[in-house]
Amino acid sequence: MVKLRTALKNKINNIFSAHGINLSKESLASEKGLKAVLETQIDLLVDLEVKILVEQIQALNRIITQLCAED
């Protein structure tokens, strides 16, 4: 789960880098940072892809939190 989440964060970082926007790795670690990424307007299709990636990261965050709470 953690590896998948990291891969999704890297994909978002690569998308932004391709459009000349540099993100710090920490910016994708918090809910606030993920919301800021969603507010950045690039292109309609890119925005949709980023929205889907952020939703997947948020879902993985919830799953990881639940798994850690069960230990």
Protein backbone atom coordinates (compact mmCIF):
# COMPACT_ATOMS: atom_id res chain seq x y z
CA MET A 1 0.00 0.00 0.00
CA VAL A 2 2.78 2.40 0.93
CA LYS A 3 4.70 1.65 -2.27
CA LEU A 4 1.58 2.26 -4.34
CA ARG A 5 0.95 5.57 -2.56
CA THR A 6 4.55 6.60 -3.22
CA ALA A 7 4.20 5.71 -6.89
CA LEU A 8 1.06 7.85 -7.16
CA LYS A 9 2.79 10.79 -5.46
CA ASN A 10 5.71 10.42 -7.86
CA LYS A 11 3.31 10.46 -10.79
CA ILE A 12 1.78 13.73 -9.59
CA ASN A 13 5.25 15.18 -9.10
CA ASN A 14 6.23 14.12 -12.63
CA ILE A 15 3.08 15.68 -14.12
CA PHE A 16 3.78 18.99 -12.41
CA SER A 17 7.46 18.89 -13.35
CA ALA A 18 6.51 18.35 -16.99
CA HIS A 19 4.49 21.58 -16.78
CA GLY A 20 7.33 23.52 -15.15
CA ILE A 21 5.95 23.40 -11.61
CA ASN A 22 8.28 22.06 -8.94
CA LEU A 23 6.70 20.47 -5.89
CA SER A 24 8.51 19.56 -2.72
CA LYS A 25 8.12 15.94 -1.69
CA GLU A 26 6.61 17.07 1.61
CA SER A 27 3.84 18.97 -0.18
CA LEU A 28 2.15 15.70 -1.12
CA ALA A 29 2.42 14.22 2.37
CA SER A 30 -0.41 16.20 3.94
CA GLU A 31 -4.08 16.67 3.21
CA LYS A 32 -3.45 20.41 2.94
CA GLY A 33 -0.78 19.80 0.31
CA LEU A 34 -3.02 17.48 -1.68
CA LYS A 35 -5.80 20.10 -1.65
CA ALA A 36 -3.33 22.73 -2.87
CA VAL A 37 -2.37 20.44 -5.75
CA LEU A 38 -6.04 20.13 -6.68
CA GLU A 39 -6.42 23.90 -6.76
CA THR A 40 -3.60 24.28 -9.29
CA GLN A 41 -5.06 24.68 -12.76
CA ILE A 42 -2.96 23.23 -15.59
CA ASP A 43 -5.14 21.70 -18.27
CA LEU A 44 -8.58 20.08 -18.22
CA LEU A 45 -7.34 16.53 -18.82
CA VAL A 46 -4.33 16.96 -16.54
CA ASP A 47 -6.58 18.35 -13.80
CA LEU A 48 -8.82 15.30 -14.12
CA GLU A 49 -5.87 12.92 -13.92
CA VAL A 50 -4.47 14.73 -10.87
CA LYS A 51 -7.89 14.66 -9.20
CA ILE A 52 -8.11 10.89 -9.68
CA LEU A 53 -4.57 10.38 -8.38
CA VAL A 54 -5.26 12.53 -5.30
CA GLU A 55 -8.44 10.57 -4.57
CA GLN A 56 -6.50 7.32 -4.80
CA ILE A 57 -3.80 8.66 -2.46
CA GLN A 58 -6.46 9.77 0.03
CA ALA A 59 -8.07 6.32 -0.09
CA LEU A 60 -4.71 4.66 0.49
CA ASN A 61 -4.03 7.02 3.39
CA ARG A 62 -7.28 5.89 5.02
CA ILE A 63 -6.48 2.21 4.43
CA ILE A 64 -2.95 2.54 5.79
CA THR A 65 -4.26 4.38 8.86
CA GLN A 66 -6.81 1.62 9.50
CA LEU A 67 -4.20 -1.10 9.10
CA CYS A 68 -1.83 0.65 11.50
CA ALA A 69 -4.63 1.12 14.05
CA GLU A 70 -5.35 -2.63 14.03
CA ASP A 71 -1.78 -3.54 15.00
